[in-house]
Amino acid sequence: MKKFSLQGWAAITLLGLSLSIIGFTLNTMDYYFLGLALMALSVSGVITPYVKSDHPARKALEVFLALGAVGTVFYGYLSTGSLLLAALTVFIVVLMLVGFTLSYILPKIRG
């Protein structure tokens, strides 16, 4: 599997930063919260190939960043009532539940 390059993650981070700045200056909070979530997730994507997977700090940081991204989108929905952020929150929660199910429950059923 080919790794996503550092330039790719930098582009996603700049996109998130741009969305946050545009959302803040235009008072469009949907863009602001989406940009913050993108920046948190891109930081997680950058550390994935460069830090050993068994390092406890990496695990804690990835959990913190994932919860921060989901929390940002959810808080954005609560504060703005945006349908876009509501749909994104539901989509993220469903993906997380599927991911946990596939990574933890299926190996126990098979083993």
PDB file of N, CA and C in Angstrom:
ATOM      1  N   MET A   1       0.847  -1.177   0.000  1.00  0.00           N
ATOM      2  CA  MET A   1       0.000   0.000   0.000  1.00  0.00           C
ATOM      3  C   MET A   1       0.895   1.243   0.000  1.00  0.00           C
ATOM      4  N   LYS A   2       0.630   2.150  -0.895  1.00  0.00           N
ATOM      5  CA  LYS A   2       1.442   3.342  -1.034  1.00  0.00           C
ATOM      6  C   LYS A   2       1.061   4.356   0.055  1.00  0.00           C
ATOM      7  N   LYS A   3       2.083   4.919   0.694  1.00  0.00           N
ATOM      8  CA  LYS A   3       1.846   5.925   1.727  1.00  0.00           C
ATOM      9  C   LYS A   3       1.499   7.258   1.082  1.00  0.00           C
ATOM     10  N   PHE A   4       0.659   7.989   1.748  1.00  0.00           N
ATOM     11  CA  PHE A   4       0.329   9.349   1.319  1.00  0.00           C
ATOM     12  C   PHE A   4       1.524  10.230   1.633  1.00  0.00           C
ATOM     13  N   SER A   5       1.960  11.024   0.683  1.00  0.00           N
ATOM     14  CA  SER A   5       3.191  11.794   0.861  1.00  0.00           C
ATOM     15  C   SER A   5       2.996  12.931   1.862  1.00  0.00           C
ATOM     16  N   LEU A   6       4.123  13.401   2.342  1.00  0.00           N
ATOM     17  CA  LEU A   6       4.111  14.523   3.275  1.00  0.00           C
ATOM     18  C   LEU A   6       3.537  15.770   2.609  1.00  0.00           C
ATOM     19  N   GLN A   7       3.786  15.935   1.311  1.00  0.00           N
ATOM     20  CA  GLN A   7       3.232  17.074   0.582  1.00  0.00           C
ATOM     21  C   GLN A   7       1.708  16.986   0.514  1.00  0.00           C
ATOM     22  N   GLY A   8       1.187  15.777   0.400  1.00  0.00           N
ATOM     23  CA  GLY A   8      -0.262  15.594   0.394  1.00  0.00           C
ATOM     24  C   GLY A   8      -0.895  16.007   1.713  1.00  0.00           C
ATOM     25  N   TRP A   9      -0.258  15.599   2.810  1.00  0.00           N
ATOM     26  CA  TRP A   9      -0.771  15.982   4.125  1.00  0.00           C
ATOM     27  C   TRP A   9      -0.637  17.480   4.347  1.00  0.00           C
ATOM     28  N   ALA A  10       0.440  18.069   3.826  1.00  0.00           N
ATOM     29  CA  ALA A  10       0.606  19.523   3.938  1.00  0.00           C
ATOM     30  C   ALA A  10      -0.494  20.246   3.169  1.00  0.00           C
ATOM     31  N   ALA A  11      -0.868  19.707   2.008  1.00  0.00           N
ATOM     32  CA  ALA A  11      -1.949  20.313   1.225  1.00  0.00           C
ATOM     33  C   ALA A  11      -3.279  20.222   1.963  1.00  0.00           C
ATOM     34  N   ILE A  12      -3.539  19.089   2.614  1.00  0.00           N
ATOM     35  CA  ILE A  12      -4.786  18.936   3.377  1.00  0.00           C
ATOM     36  C   ILE A  12      -4.787  19.878   4.579  1.00  0.00           C
ATOM     37  N   THR A  13      -3.642  20.026   5.223  1.00  0.00           N
ATOM     38  CA  THR A  13      -3.540  20.956   6.349  1.00  0.00           C
ATOM     39  C   THR A  13      -3.781  22.389   5.898  1.00  0.00           C
ATOM     40  N   LEU A  14      -3.193  22.777   4.763  1.00  0.00           N
ATOM     41  CA  LEU A  14      -3.422  24.127   4.238  1.00  0.00           C
ATOM     42  C   LEU A  14      -4.876  24.329   3.828  1.00  0.00           C
ATOM     43  N   LEU A  15      -5.501  23.282   3.284  1.00  0.00           N
ATOM     44  CA  LEU A  15      -6.917  23.377   2.954  1.00  0.00           C
ATOM     45  C   LEU A  15      -7.746  23.598   4.218  1.00  0.00           C
ATOM     46  N   GLY A  16      -7.435  22.850   5.275  1.00  0.00           N
ATOM     47  CA  GLY A  16      -8.144  23.032   6.540  1.00  0.00           C
ATOM     48  C   GLY A  16      -7.924  24.412   7.130  1.00  0.00           C
ATOM     49  N   LEU A  17      -6.689  24.899   7.056  1.00  0.00           N
ATOM     50  CA  LEU A  17      -6.394  26.233   7.551  1.00  0.00           C
ATOM     51  C   LEU A  17      -7.136  27.289   6.742  1.00  0.00           C
ATOM     52  N   SER A  18      -7.153  27.113   5.425  1.00  0.00           N
ATOM     53  CA  SER A  18      -7.877  28.053   4.557  1.00  0.00           C
ATOM     54  C   SER A  18      -9.370  28.051   4.856  1.00  0.00           C
ATOM     55  N   LEU A  19      -9.942  26.857   5.025  1.00  0.00           N
ATOM     56  CA  LEU A  19     -11.368  26.771   5.360  1.00  0.00           C
ATOM     57  C   LEU A  19     -11.661  27.465   6.686  1.00  0.00           C
ATOM     58  N   SER A  20     -10.791  27.270   7.665  1.00  0.00           N
ATOM     59  CA  SER A  20     -11.002  27.902   8.969  1.00  0.00           C
ATOM     60  C   SER A  20     -10.940  29.415   8.869  1.00  0.00           C
ATOM     61  N   ILE A  21      -9.952  29.917   8.154  1.00  0.00           N
ATOM     62  CA  ILE A  21      -9.810  31.371   8.019  1.00  0.00           C
ATOM     63  C   ILE A  21     -10.985  31.964   7.245  1.00  0.00           C
ATOM     64  N   ILE A  22     -11.363  31.322   6.137  1.00  0.00           N
ATOM     65  CA  ILE A  22     -12.495  31.817   5.348  1.00  0.00           C
ATOM     66  C   ILE A  22     -13.780  31.774   6.167  1.00  0.00           C
ATOM     67  N   GLY A  23     -13.985  30.661   6.880  1.00  0.00           N
ATOM     68  CA  GLY A  23     -15.178  30.544   7.707  1.00  0.00           C
ATOM     69  C   GLY A  23     -15.233  31.569   8.814  1.00  0.00           C
ATOM     70  N   PHE A  24     -14.090  31.841   9.412  1.00  0.00           N
ATOM     71  CA  PHE A  24     -14.050  32.819  10.499  1.00  0.00           C
ATOM     72  C   PHE A  24     -14.272  34.235   9.978  1.00  0.00           C
ATOM     73  N   THR A  25     -13.623  34.578   8.860  1.00  0.00           N
ATOM     74  CA  THR A  25     -13.752  35.948   8.345  1.00  0.00           C
ATOM     75  C   THR A  25     -15.127  36.218   7.745  1.00  0.00           C
ATOM     76  N   LEU A  26     -15.729  35.208   7.121  1.00  0.00           N
ATOM     77  CA  LEU A  26     -17.054  35.391   6.515  1.00  0.00           C
ATOM     78  C   LEU A  26     -18.191  35.035   7.463  1.00  0.00           C
ATOM     79  N   ASN A  27     -17.836  34.648   8.689  1.00  0.00           N
ATOM     80  CA  ASN A  27     -18.808  34.239   9.697  1.00  0.00           C
ATOM     81  C   ASN A  27     -19.652  33.059   9.210  1.00  0.00           C
ATOM     82  N   THR A  28     -19.005  32.132   8.505  1.00  0.00           N
ATOM     83  CA  THR A  28     -19.621  30.889   8.063  1.00  0.00           C
ATOM     84  C   THR A  28     -19.007  29.771   8.899  1.00  0.00           C
ATOM     85  N   MET A  29     -19.668  29.433   9.965  1.00  0.00           N
ATOM     86  CA  MET A  29     -19.086  28.530  10.941  1.00  0.00           C
ATOM     87  C   MET A  29     -18.974  27.100  10.427  1.00  0.00           C
ATOM     88  N   ASP A  30     -19.761  26.728   9.406  1.00  0.00           N
ATOM     89  CA  ASP A  30     -19.608  25.390   8.823  1.00  0.00           C
ATOM     90  C   ASP A  30     -18.190  25.200   8.326  1.00  0.00           C
ATOM     91  N   TYR A  31     -17.699  26.153   7.539  1.00  0.00           N
ATOM     92  CA  TYR A  31     -16.349  26.076   6.998  1.00  0.00           C
ATOM     93  C   TYR A  31     -15.310  26.127   8.111  1.00  0.00           C
ATOM     94  N   TYR A  32     -15.558  26.929   9.105  1.00  0.00           N
ATOM     95  CA  TYR A  32     -14.618  27.069  10.215  1.00  0.00           C
ATOM     96  C   TYR A  32     -14.409  25.730  10.928  1.00  0.00           C
ATOM     97  N   PHE A  33     -15.498  25.068  11.290  1.00  0.00           N
ATOM     98  CA  PHE A  33     -15.385  23.809  12.023  1.00  0.00           C
ATOM     99  C   PHE A  33     -14.872  22.679  11.131  1.00  0.00           C
ATOM    100  N   LEU A  34     -15.243  22.660   9.867  1.00  0.00           N
ATOM    101  CA  LEU A  34     -14.705  21.653   8.958  1.00  0.00           C
ATOM    102  C   LEU A  34     -13.196  21.828   8.790  1.00  0.00           C
ATOM    103  N   GLY A  35     -12.747  23.068   8.711  1.00  0.00           N
ATOM    104  CA  GLY A  35     -11.313  23.324   8.600  1.00  0.00           C
ATOM    105  C   GLY A  35     -10.547  22.869   9.825  1.00  0.00           C
ATOM    106  N   LEU A  36     -11.096  23.117  11.001  1.00  0.00           N
ATOM    107  CA  LEU A  36     -10.437  22.665  12.239  1.00  0.00           C
ATOM    108  C   LEU A  36     -10.351  21.139  12.288  1.00  0.00           C
ATOM    109  N   ALA A  37     -11.433  20.471  11.885  1.00  0.00           N
ATOM    110  CA  ALA A  37     -11.427  19.006  11.884  1.00  0.00           C
ATOM    111  C   ALA A  37     -10.415  18.472  10.870  1.00  0.00           C
ATOM    112  N   LEU A  38     -10.342  19.081   9.699  1.00  0.00           N
ATOM    113  CA  LEU A  38      -9.367  18.655   8.696  1.00  0.00           C
ATOM    114  C   LEU A  38      -7.937  18.816   9.194  1.00  0.00           C
ATOM    115  N   MET A  39      -7.670  19.906   9.879  1.00  0.00           N
ATOM    116  CA  MET A  39      -6.316  20.112  10.398  1.00  0.00           C
ATOM    117  C   MET A  39      -5.961  19.058  11.443  1.00  0.00           C
ATOM    118  N   ALA A  40      -6.893  18.722  12.329  1.00  0.00           N
ATOM    119  CA  ALA A  40      -6.619  17.705  13.349  1.00  0.00           C
ATOM    120  C   ALA A  40      -6.372  16.341  12.709  1.00  0.00           C
ATOM    121  N   LEU A  41      -7.154  16.000  11.714  1.00  0.00           N
ATOM    122  CA  LEU A  41      -6.982  14.700  11.070  1.00  0.00           C
ATOM    123  C   LEU A  41      -5.717  14.645  10.220  1.00  0.00           C
ATOM    124  N   SER A  42      -5.326  15.755   9.638  1.00  0.00           N
ATOM    125  CA  SER A  42      -4.098  15.740   8.833  1.00  0.00           C
ATOM    126  C   SER A  42      -2.865  15.590   9.722  1.00  0.00           C
ATOM    127  N   VAL A  43      -2.898  16.142  10.917  1.00  0.00           N
ATOM    128  CA  VAL A  43      -1.781  15.939  11.852  1.00  0.00           C
ATOM    129  C   VAL A  43      -1.676  14.463  12.209  1.00  0.00           C
ATOM    130  N   SER A  44      -2.809  13.815  12.405  1.00  0.00           N
ATOM    131  CA  SER A  44      -2.816  12.385  12.681  1.00  0.00           C
ATOM    132  C   SER A  44      -2.250  11.606  11.497  1.00  0.00           C
ATOM    133  N   GLY A  45      -2.587  12.025  10.298  1.00  0.00           N
ATOM    134  CA  GLY A  45      -2.062  11.351   9.116  1.00  0.00           C
ATOM    135  C   GLY A  45      -0.573  11.528   8.935  1.00  0.00           C
ATOM    136  N   VAL A  46      -0.041  12.652   9.373  1.00  0.00           N
ATOM    137  CA  VAL A  46       1.395  12.897   9.256  1.00  0.00           C
ATOM    138  C   VAL A  46       2.176  12.026  10.224  1.00  0.00           C
ATOM    139  N   ILE A  47       1.693  11.888  11.452  1.00  0.00           N
ATOM    140  CA  ILE A  47       2.477  11.131  12.432  1.00  0.00           C
ATOM    141  C   ILE A  47       2.404   9.621  12.216  1.00  0.00           C
ATOM    142  N   THR A  48       1.402   9.149  11.486  1.00  0.00           N
ATOM    143  CA  THR A  48       1.227   7.713  11.303  1.00  0.00           C
ATOM    144  C   THR A  48       2.456   7.033  10.691  1.00  0.00           C
ATOM    145  N   PRO A  49       3.011   7.492   9.579  1.00  0.00           N
ATOM    146  CA  PRO A  49       4.166   6.760   9.020  1.00  0.00           C
ATOM    147  C   PRO A  49       5.506   7.073   9.698  1.00  0.00           C
ATOM    148  N   TYR A  50       5.576   8.097  10.538  1.00  0.00           N
ATOM    149  CA  TYR A  50       6.860   8.523  11.074  1.00  0.00           C
ATOM    150  C   TYR A  50       7.102   8.134  12.527  1.00  0.00           C
ATOM    151  N   VAL A  51       6.080   7.674  13.231  1.00  0.00           N
ATOM    152  CA  VAL A  51       6.232   7.276  14.630  1.00  0.00           C
ATOM    153  C   VAL A  51       5.876   5.802  14.738  1.00  0.00           C
ATOM    154  N   LYS A  52       6.661   5.044  15.518  1.00  0.00           N
ATOM    155  CA  LYS A  52       6.401   3.615  15.661  1.00  0.00           C
ATOM    156  C   LYS A  52       4.992   3.376  16.201  1.00  0.00           C
ATOM    157  N   SER A  53       4.337   2.349  15.665  1.00  0.00           N
ATOM    158  CA  SER A  53       2.934   2.115  16.013  1.00  0.00           C
ATOM    159  C   SER A  53       2.747   1.645  17.447  1.00  0.00           C
ATOM    160  N   ASP A  54       3.762   1.061  18.058  1.00  0.00           N
ATOM    161  CA  ASP A  54       3.600   0.576  19.424  1.00  0.00           C
ATOM    162  C   ASP A  54       3.966   1.627  20.470  1.00  0.00           C
ATOM    163  N   HIS A  55       4.333   2.807  20.038  1.00  0.00           N
ATOM    164  CA  HIS A  55       4.701   3.873  20.980  1.00  0.00           C
ATOM    165  C   HIS A  55       3.434   4.405  21.655  1.00  0.00           C
ATOM    166  N   PRO A  56       3.384   4.441  23.006  1.00  0.00           N
ATOM    167  CA  PRO A  56       2.171   4.863  23.708  1.00  0.00           C
ATOM    168  C   PRO A  56       1.772   6.314  23.428  1.00  0.00           C
ATOM    169  N   ALA A  57       2.749   7.169  23.195  1.00  0.00           N
ATOM    170  CA  ALA A  57       2.418   8.574  22.923  1.00  0.00           C
ATOM    171  C   ALA A  57       1.675   8.707  21.598  1.00  0.00           C
ATOM    172  N   ARG A  58       2.050   7.896  20.616  1.00  0.00           N
ATOM    173  CA  ARG A  58       1.366   7.947  19.325  1.00  0.00           C
ATOM    174  C   ARG A  58      -0.081   7.498  19.471  1.00  0.00           C
ATOM    175  N   LYS A  59      -0.282   6.419  20.192  1.00  0.00           N
ATOM    176  CA  LYS A  59      -1.647   5.923  20.384  1.00  0.00           C
ATOM    177  C   LYS A  59      -2.510   6.972  21.081  1.00  0.00           C
ATOM    178  N   ALA A  60      -1.976   7.572  22.127  1.00  0.00           N
ATOM    179  CA  ALA A  60      -2.725   8.593  22.860  1.00  0.00           C
ATOM    180  C   ALA A  60      -2.993   9.812  21.986  1.00  0.00           C
ATOM    181  N   LEU A  61      -1.996  10.229  21.215  1.00  0.00           N
ATOM    182  CA  LEU A  61      -2.167  11.393  20.348  1.00  0.00           C
ATOM    183  C   LEU A  61      -3.192  11.131  19.250  1.00  0.00           C
ATOM    184  N   GLU A  62      -3.176   9.933  18.668  1.00  0.00           N
ATOM    185  CA  GLU A  62      -4.151   9.623  17.625  1.00  0.00           C
ATOM    186  C   GLU A  62      -5.576   9.575  18.180  1.00  0.00           C
ATOM    187  N   VAL A  63      -5.744   9.013  19.369  1.00  0.00           N
ATOM    188  CA  VAL A  63      -7.071   9.001  19.986  1.00  0.00           C
ATOM    189  C   VAL A  63      -7.516  10.428  20.286  1.00  0.00           C
ATOM    190  N   PHE A  64      -6.611  11.232  20.829  1.00  0.00           N
ATOM    191  CA  PHE A  64      -6.924  12.626  21.137  1.00  0.00           C
ATOM    192  C   PHE A  64      -7.303  13.401  19.879  1.00  0.00           C
ATOM    193  N   LEU A  65      -6.548  13.234  18.795  1.00  0.00           N
ATOM    194  CA  LEU A  65      -6.832  13.955  17.554  1.00  0.00           C
ATOM    195  C   LEU A  65      -8.133  13.487  16.912  1.00  0.00           C
ATOM    196  N   ALA A  66      -8.395  12.183  16.951  1.00  0.00           N
ATOM    197  CA  ALA A  66      -9.647  11.667  16.384  1.00  0.00           C
ATOM    198  C   ALA A  66     -10.847  12.182  17.174  1.00  0.00           C
ATOM    199  N   LEU A  67     -10.754  12.113  18.486  1.00  0.00           N
ATOM    200  CA  LEU A  67     -11.848  12.633  19.309  1.00  0.00           C
ATOM    201  C   LEU A  67     -11.982  14.140  19.161  1.00  0.00           C
ATOM    202  N   GLY A  68     -10.849  14.823  18.994  1.00  0.00           N
ATOM    203  CA  GLY A  68     -10.889  16.268  18.775  1.00  0.00           C
ATOM    204  C   GLY A  68     -11.575  16.631  17.472  1.00  0.00           C
ATOM    205  N   ALA A  69     -11.303  15.870  16.421  1.00  0.00           N
ATOM    206  CA  ALA A  69     -11.941  16.140  15.128  1.00  0.00           C
ATOM    207  C   ALA A  69     -13.439  15.875  15.196  1.00  0.00           C
ATOM    208  N   VAL A  70     -13.816  14.743  15.776  1.00  0.00           N
ATOM    209  CA  VAL A  70     -15.247  14.427  15.912  1.00  0.00           C
ATOM    210  C   VAL A  70     -15.922  15.428  16.840  1.00  0.00           C
ATOM    211  N   GLY A  71     -15.252  15.767  17.928  1.00  0.00           N
ATOM    212  CA  GLY A  71     -15.805  16.745  18.862  1.00  0.00           C
ATOM    213  C   GLY A  71     -15.973  18.117  18.235  1.00  0.00           C
ATOM    214  N   THR A  72     -15.029  18.497  17.378  1.00  0.00           N
ATOM    215  CA  THR A  72     -15.126  19.783  16.689  1.00  0.00           C
ATOM    216  C   THR A  72     -16.335  19.828  15.767  1.00  0.00           C
ATOM    217  N   VAL A  73     -16.512  18.768  14.988  1.00  0.00           N
ATOM    218  CA  VAL A  73     -17.661  18.717  14.075  1.00  0.00           C
ATOM    219  C   VAL A  73     -18.966  18.685  14.862  1.00  0.00           C
ATOM    220  N   PHE A  74     -19.001  17.888  15.946  1.00  0.00           N
ATOM    221  CA  PHE A  74     -20.215  17.798  16.758  1.00  0.00           C
ATOM    222  C   PHE A  74     -20.526  19.121  17.440  1.00  0.00           C
ATOM    223  N   TYR A  75     -19.499  19.774  17.990  1.00  0.00           N
ATOM    224  CA  TYR A  75     -19.712  21.079  18.609  1.00  0.00           C
ATOM    225  C   TYR A  75     -20.175  22.101  17.571  1.00  0.00           C
ATOM    226  N   GLY A  76     -19.610  22.023  16.381  1.00  0.00           N
ATOM    227  CA  GLY A  76     -20.047  22.904  15.299  1.00  0.00           C
ATOM    228  C   GLY A  76     -21.508  22.707  14.973  1.00  0.00           C
ATOM    229  N   TYR A  77     -21.946  21.447  14.966  1.00  0.00           N
ATOM    230  CA  TYR A  77     -23.365  21.173  14.726  1.00  0.00           C
ATOM    231  C   TYR A  77     -24.221  21.741  15.851  1.00  0.00           C
ATOM    232  N   LEU A  78     -23.808  21.525  17.092  1.00  0.00           N
ATOM    233  CA  LEU A  78     -24.597  22.016  18.213  1.00  0.00           C
ATOM    234  C   LEU A  78     -24.685  23.538  18.243  1.00  0.00           C
ATOM    235  N   SER A  79     -23.594  24.202  17.875  1.00  0.00           N
ATOM    236  CA  SER A  79     -23.599  25.661  17.953  1.00  0.00           C
ATOM    237  C   SER A  79     -24.243  26.328  16.743  1.00  0.00           C
ATOM    238  N   THR A  80     -24.231  25.661  15.583  1.00  0.00           N
ATOM    239  CA  THR A  80     -24.798  26.285  14.385  1.00  0.00           C
ATOM    240  C   THR A  80     -26.101  25.654  13.928  1.00  0.00           C
ATOM    241  N   GLY A  81     -26.315  24.387  14.248  1.00  0.00           N
ATOM    242  CA  GLY A  81     -27.505  23.690  13.774  1.00  0.00           C
ATOM    243  C   GLY A  81     -27.438  23.349  12.291  1.00  0.00           C
ATOM    244  N   SER A  82     -26.229  23.308  11.749  1.00  0.00           N
ATOM    245  CA  SER A  82     -26.030  23.061  10.323  1.00  0.00           C
ATOM    246  C   SER A  82     -26.348  21.612   9.969  1.00  0.00           C
ATOM    247  N   LEU A  83     -27.115  21.431   8.908  1.00  0.00           N
ATOM    248  CA  LEU A  83     -27.446  20.091   8.437  1.00  0.00           C
ATOM    249  C   LEU A  83     -26.210  19.381   7.890  1.00  0.00           C
ATOM    250  N   LEU A  84     -25.315  20.126   7.271  1.00  0.00           N
ATOM    251  CA  LEU A  84     -24.071  19.552   6.742  1.00  0.00           C
ATOM    252  C   LEU A  84     -23.241  18.949   7.867  1.00  0.00           C
ATOM    253  N   LEU A  85     -23.086  19.671   8.960  1.00  0.00           N
ATOM    254  CA  LEU A  85     -22.307  19.159  10.084  1.00  0.00           C
ATOM    255  C   LEU A  85     -23.018  18.004  10.783  1.00  0.00           C
ATOM    256  N   ALA A  86     -24.350  18.022  10.799  1.00  0.00           N
ATOM    257  CA  ALA A  86     -25.096  16.907  11.384  1.00  0.00           C
ATOM    258  C   ALA A  86     -24.873  15.633  10.570  1.00  0.00           C
ATOM    259  N   ALA A  87     -24.960  15.752   9.254  1.00  0.00           N
ATOM    260  CA  ALA A  87     -24.739  14.585   8.396  1.00  0.00           C
ATOM    261  C   ALA A  87     -23.305  14.088   8.518  1.00  0.00           C
ATOM    262  N   LEU A  88     -22.372  14.997   8.595  1.00  0.00           N
ATOM    263  CA  LEU A  88     -20.969  14.617   8.744  1.00  0.00           C
ATOM    264  C   LEU A  88     -20.725  13.934  10.089  1.00  0.00           C
ATOM    265  N   THR A  89     -21.369  14.402  11.135  1.00  0.00           N
ATOM    266  CA  THR A  89     -21.233  13.771  12.452  1.00  0.00           C
ATOM    267  C   THR A  89     -21.769  12.342  12.425  1.00  0.00           C
ATOM    268  N   VAL A  90     -22.937  12.151  11.843  1.00  0.00           N
ATOM    269  CA  VAL A  90     -23.519  10.807  11.754  1.00  0.00           C
ATOM    270  C   VAL A  90     -22.617   9.899  10.918  1.00  0.00           C
ATOM    271  N   PHE A  91     -22.112  10.405   9.810  1.00  0.00           N
ATOM    272  CA  PHE A  91     -21.231   9.626   8.944  1.00  0.00           C
ATOM    273  C   PHE A  91     -19.962   9.208   9.681  1.00  0.00           C
ATOM    274  N   ILE A  92     -19.353  10.118  10.421  1.00  0.00           N
ATOM    275  CA  ILE A  92     -18.128   9.816  11.159  1.00  0.00           C
ATOM    276  C   ILE A  92     -18.395   8.778  12.249  1.00  0.00           C
ATOM    277  N   VAL A  93     -19.482   8.930  12.969  1.00  0.00           N
ATOM    278  CA  VAL A  93     -19.802   7.985  14.047  1.00  0.00           C
ATOM    279  C   VAL A  93     -20.046   6.585  13.479  1.00  0.00           C
ATOM    280  N   VAL A  94     -20.763   6.501  12.364  1.00  0.00           N
ATOM    281  CA  VAL A  94     -21.013   5.198  11.740  1.00  0.00           C
ATOM    282  C   VAL A  94     -19.702   4.569  11.279  1.00  0.00           C
ATOM    283  N   LEU A  95     -18.829   5.356  10.661  1.00  0.00           N
ATOM    284  CA  LEU A  95     -17.536   4.819  10.228  1.00  0.00           C
ATOM    285  C   LEU A  95     -16.696   4.343  11.408  1.00  0.00           C
ATOM    286  N   MET A  96     -16.731   5.063  12.506  1.00  0.00           N
ATOM    287  CA  MET A  96     -15.975   4.645  13.683  1.00  0.00           C
ATOM    288  C   MET A  96     -16.535   3.351  14.261  1.00  0.00           C
ATOM    289  N   LEU A  97     -17.846   3.233  14.308  1.00  0.00           N
ATOM    290  CA  LEU A  97     -18.442   1.996  14.815  1.00  0.00           C
ATOM    291  C   LEU A  97     -18.116   0.803  13.927  1.00  0.00           C
ATOM    292  N   VAL A  98     -18.162   0.989  12.630  1.00  0.00           N
ATOM    293  CA  VAL A  98     -17.802  -0.084  11.706  1.00  0.00           C
ATOM    294  C   VAL A  98     -16.331  -0.448  11.876  1.00  0.00           C
ATOM    295  N   GLY A  99     -15.478   0.563  12.006  1.00  0.00           N
ATOM    296  CA  GLY A  99     -14.054   0.300  12.199  1.00  0.00           C
ATOM    297  C   GLY A  99     -13.763  -0.472  13.476  1.00  0.00           C
ATOM    298  N   PHE A 100     -14.393  -0.081  14.580  1.00  0.00           N
ATOM    299  CA  PHE A 100     -14.188  -0.809  15.826  1.00  0.00           C
ATOM    300  C   PHE A 100     -14.732  -2.227  15.728  1.00  0.00           C
ATOM    301  N   THR A 101     -15.861  -2.384  15.087  1.00  0.00           N
ATOM    302  CA  THR A 101     -16.443  -3.715  14.931  1.00  0.00           C
ATOM    303  C   THR A 101     -15.518  -4.617  14.130  1.00  0.00           C
ATOM    304  N   LEU A 102     -15.041  -4.121  13.011  1.00  0.00           N
ATOM    305  CA  LEU A 102     -14.190  -4.946  12.165  1.00  0.00           C
ATOM    306  C   LEU A 102     -12.833  -5.230  12.796  1.00  0.00           C
ATOM    307  N   SER A 103     -12.293  -4.301  13.559  1.00  0.00           N
ATOM    308  CA  SER A 103     -10.953  -4.511  14.094  1.00  0.00           C
ATOM    309  C   SER A 103     -10.920  -5.283  15.420  1.00  0.00           C
ATOM    310  N   TYR A 104     -11.989  -5.267  16.172  1.00  0.00           N
ATOM    311  CA  TYR A 104     -11.957  -5.938  17.474  1.00  0.00           C
ATOM    312  C   TYR A 104     -12.868  -7.156  17.566  1.00  0.00           C
ATOM    313  N   ILE A 105     -14.063  -7.056  17.063  1.00  0.00           N
ATOM    314  CA  ILE A 105     -15.025  -8.149  17.256  1.00  0.00           C
ATOM    315  C   ILE A 105     -14.804  -9.282  16.264  1.00  0.00           C
ATOM    316  N   LEU A 106     -14.549  -8.979  15.012  1.00  0.00           N
ATOM    317  CA  LEU A 106     -14.379 -10.031  14.015  1.00  0.00           C
ATOM    318  C   LEU A 106     -13.198 -10.970  14.299  1.00  0.00           C
ATOM    319  N   PRO A 107     -12.021 -10.463  14.710  1.00  0.00           N
ATOM    320  CA  PRO A 107     -10.949 -11.406  15.042  1.00  0.00           C
ATOM    321  C   PRO A 107     -11.304 -12.322  16.226  1.00  0.00           C
ATOM    322  N   LYS A 108     -12.064 -11.821  17.176  1.00  0.00           N
ATOM    323  CA  LYS A 108     -12.461 -12.659  18.309  1.00  0.00           C
ATOM    324  C   LYS A 108     -13.463 -13.719  17.883  1.00  0.00           C
ATOM    325  N   ILE A 109     -14.337 -13.368  16.942  1.00  0.00           N
ATOM    326  CA  ILE A 109     -15.310 -14.358  16.440  1.00  0.00           C
ATOM    327  C   ILE A 109     -14.604 -15.441  15.649  1.00  0.00           C
ATOM    328  N   ARG A 110     -13.649 -15.046  14.823  1.00  0.00           N
ATOM    329  CA  ARG A 110     -12.923 -16.023  14.003  1.00  0.00           C
ATOM    330  C   ARG A 110     -11.979 -16.877  14.826  1.00  0.00           C
ATOM    331  N   GLY A 111     -11.399 -16.297  15.872  1.00  0.00           N
ATOM    332  CA  GLY A 111     -10.408 -17.017  16.671  1.00  0.00           C
ATOM    333  C   GLY A 111     -11.055 -17.785  17.739  1.00  0.00           C
TER     334      GLY A 111
END
